[in-house]
Amino acid sequence: MAGTLVGKYGRARLVRIVSAFYTDVLRSPTLSHYFSDVPIEGLIGHQTQFL
C-alpha cells in the first residue's frame, strides 16, 4: 500500500484532510447549497475510501 495515499499519509490523516475540505465547502456561500441535503459524514467516508 506504500504507493497509495493511505500508504503515504495514513487513513486517519486522510479523514482529517477530507473533513477539512468539506468543512470549507460547507462554509462557502457558493458551494454549500449543493450539499444541503447530503449526509456529510457518509460523504466523507465515501471520499476517503475512494482515495
N, C-alpha and C. Protein backbone atom coordinates (compact mmCIF):
# COMPACT_ATOMS: atom_id res chain seq x y z
N MET A 1 0.80 -1.20 0.00
CA MET A 1 0.00 0.00 0.00
C MET A 1 0.84 1.27 0.00
N ALA A 2 2.14 1.14 -0.02
CA ALA A 2 3.00 2.31 0.03
C ALA A 2 2.79 3.24 -1.16
N GLY A 3 2.30 2.70 -2.28
CA GLY A 3 2.07 3.52 -3.45
C GLY A 3 0.72 4.23 -3.45
N THR A 4 -0.03 4.08 -2.39
CA THR A 4 -1.35 4.71 -2.31
C THR A 4 -1.30 5.90 -1.37
N LEU A 5 -2.34 6.71 -1.42
CA LEU A 5 -2.42 7.84 -0.48
C LEU A 5 -2.55 7.36 0.95
N VAL A 6 -3.27 6.25 1.15
CA VAL A 6 -3.39 5.70 2.50
C VAL A 6 -2.02 5.25 3.00
N GLY A 7 -1.25 4.61 2.12
CA GLY A 7 0.09 4.19 2.50
C GLY A 7 1.02 5.36 2.79
N LYS A 8 0.84 6.43 2.05
CA LYS A 8 1.71 7.60 2.21
C LYS A 8 1.34 8.43 3.44
N TYR A 9 0.02 8.66 3.65
CA TYR A 9 -0.41 9.57 4.71
C TYR A 9 -1.08 8.88 5.89
N GLY A 10 -1.62 7.69 5.66
CA GLY A 10 -2.37 7.01 6.71
C GLY A 10 -3.85 7.38 6.63
N ARG A 11 -4.71 6.43 6.99
CA ARG A 11 -6.15 6.64 6.89
C ARG A 11 -6.63 7.80 7.76
N ALA A 12 -6.13 7.89 8.99
CA ALA A 12 -6.59 8.94 9.91
C ALA A 12 -6.27 10.34 9.35
N ARG A 13 -5.11 10.50 8.76
CA ARG A 13 -4.75 11.80 8.20
C ARG A 13 -5.62 12.13 6.98
N LEU A 14 -5.90 11.12 6.16
CA LEU A 14 -6.77 11.36 5.00
C LEU A 14 -8.17 11.77 5.44
N VAL A 15 -8.68 11.15 6.49
CA VAL A 15 -10.00 11.53 7.01
C VAL A 15 -9.97 12.99 7.46
N ARG A 16 -8.90 13.41 8.12
CA ARG A 16 -8.80 14.81 8.56
C ARG A 16 -8.74 15.76 7.37
N ILE A 17 -8.00 15.37 6.33
CA ILE A 17 -7.88 16.21 5.13
C ILE A 17 -9.23 16.35 4.44
N VAL A 18 -9.92 15.23 4.25
CA VAL A 18 -11.22 15.25 3.58
C VAL A 18 -12.24 16.01 4.43
N SER A 19 -12.20 15.80 5.75
CA SER A 19 -13.11 16.52 6.64
C SER A 19 -12.88 18.02 6.58
N ALA A 20 -11.63 18.43 6.55
CA ALA A 20 -11.31 19.86 6.45
C ALA A 20 -11.80 20.43 5.13
N PHE A 21 -11.66 19.66 4.06
CA PHE A 21 -12.15 20.10 2.76
C PHE A 21 -13.65 20.35 2.80
N TYR A 22 -14.42 19.38 3.32
CA TYR A 22 -15.87 19.55 3.35
C TYR A 22 -16.31 20.60 4.36
N THR A 23 -15.54 20.83 5.39
CA THR A 23 -15.83 21.94 6.31
C THR A 23 -15.76 23.26 5.55
N ASP A 24 -14.72 23.41 4.74
CA ASP A 24 -14.59 24.62 3.93
C ASP A 24 -15.70 24.74 2.89
N VAL A 25 -16.05 23.62 2.27
CA VAL A 25 -17.13 23.62 1.28
C VAL A 25 -18.44 24.07 1.92
N LEU A 26 -18.74 23.54 3.11
CA LEU A 26 -20.00 23.89 3.78
C LEU A 26 -20.04 25.33 4.26
N ARG A 27 -18.89 25.94 4.43
CA ARG A 27 -18.82 27.35 4.83
C ARG A 27 -18.92 28.28 3.62
N SER A 28 -18.75 27.74 2.45
CA SER A 28 -18.75 28.56 1.23
C SER A 28 -20.17 28.90 0.81
N PRO A 29 -20.47 30.18 0.68
CA PRO A 29 -21.80 30.57 0.20
C PRO A 29 -22.06 30.10 -1.24
N THR A 30 -21.01 29.91 -1.99
CA THR A 30 -21.14 29.48 -3.38
C THR A 30 -21.41 27.98 -3.51
N LEU A 31 -20.84 27.18 -2.61
CA LEU A 31 -20.92 25.72 -2.75
C LEU A 31 -21.87 25.03 -1.78
N SER A 32 -22.10 25.62 -0.63
CA SER A 32 -22.81 24.91 0.44
C SER A 32 -24.20 24.44 0.04
N HIS A 33 -24.89 25.18 -0.80
CA HIS A 33 -26.25 24.77 -1.17
C HIS A 33 -26.28 23.46 -1.93
N TYR A 34 -25.18 23.09 -2.60
CA TYR A 34 -25.12 21.81 -3.30
C TYR A 34 -25.13 20.62 -2.33
N PHE A 35 -24.77 20.87 -1.09
CA PHE A 35 -24.62 19.80 -0.11
C PHE A 35 -25.64 19.89 1.02
N SER A 36 -26.67 20.71 0.85
CA SER A 36 -27.63 20.94 1.93
C SER A 36 -28.39 19.68 2.35
N ASP A 37 -28.64 18.77 1.43
CA ASP A 37 -29.36 17.55 1.75
C ASP A 37 -28.48 16.30 1.76
N VAL A 38 -27.18 16.49 1.83
CA VAL A 38 -26.23 15.38 1.77
C VAL A 38 -25.75 15.05 3.18
N PRO A 39 -25.79 13.77 3.56
CA PRO A 39 -25.22 13.38 4.86
C PRO A 39 -23.68 13.44 4.77
N ILE A 40 -23.13 14.48 5.32
CA ILE A 40 -21.70 14.77 5.14
C ILE A 40 -20.80 13.67 5.69
N GLU A 41 -21.14 13.11 6.84
CA GLU A 41 -20.28 12.05 7.40
C GLU A 41 -20.18 10.87 6.42
N GLY A 42 -21.30 10.53 5.79
CA GLY A 42 -21.27 9.46 4.79
C GLY A 42 -20.44 9.84 3.58
N LEU A 43 -20.57 11.07 3.15
CA LEU A 43 -19.80 11.56 2.01
C LEU A 43 -18.30 11.54 2.32
N ILE A 44 -17.94 11.96 3.52
CA ILE A 44 -16.53 11.93 3.94
C ILE A 44 -16.01 10.49 3.92
N GLY A 45 -16.81 9.57 4.42
CA GLY A 45 -16.41 8.15 4.40
C GLY A 45 -16.21 7.63 2.99
N HIS A 46 -17.14 7.95 2.09
CA HIS A 46 -17.02 7.50 0.70
C HIS A 46 -15.81 8.13 0.03
N GLN A 47 -15.60 9.42 0.24
CA GLN A 47 -14.46 10.11 -0.38
C GLN A 47 -13.15 9.53 0.13
N THR A 48 -13.07 9.25 1.41
CA THR A 48 -11.85 8.68 1.98
C THR A 48 -11.58 7.29 1.41
N GLN A 49 -12.62 6.49 1.26
CA GLN A 49 -12.44 5.16 0.66
C GLN A 49 -11.99 5.27 -0.78
N PHE A 50 -12.49 6.24 -1.49
CA PHE A 50 -12.11 6.45 -2.89
C PHE A 50 -10.62 6.77 -3.00
N LEU A 51 -10.12 7.58 -2.09
CA LEU A 51 -8.70 7.97 -2.15
C LEU A 51 -7.83 6.81 -1.78
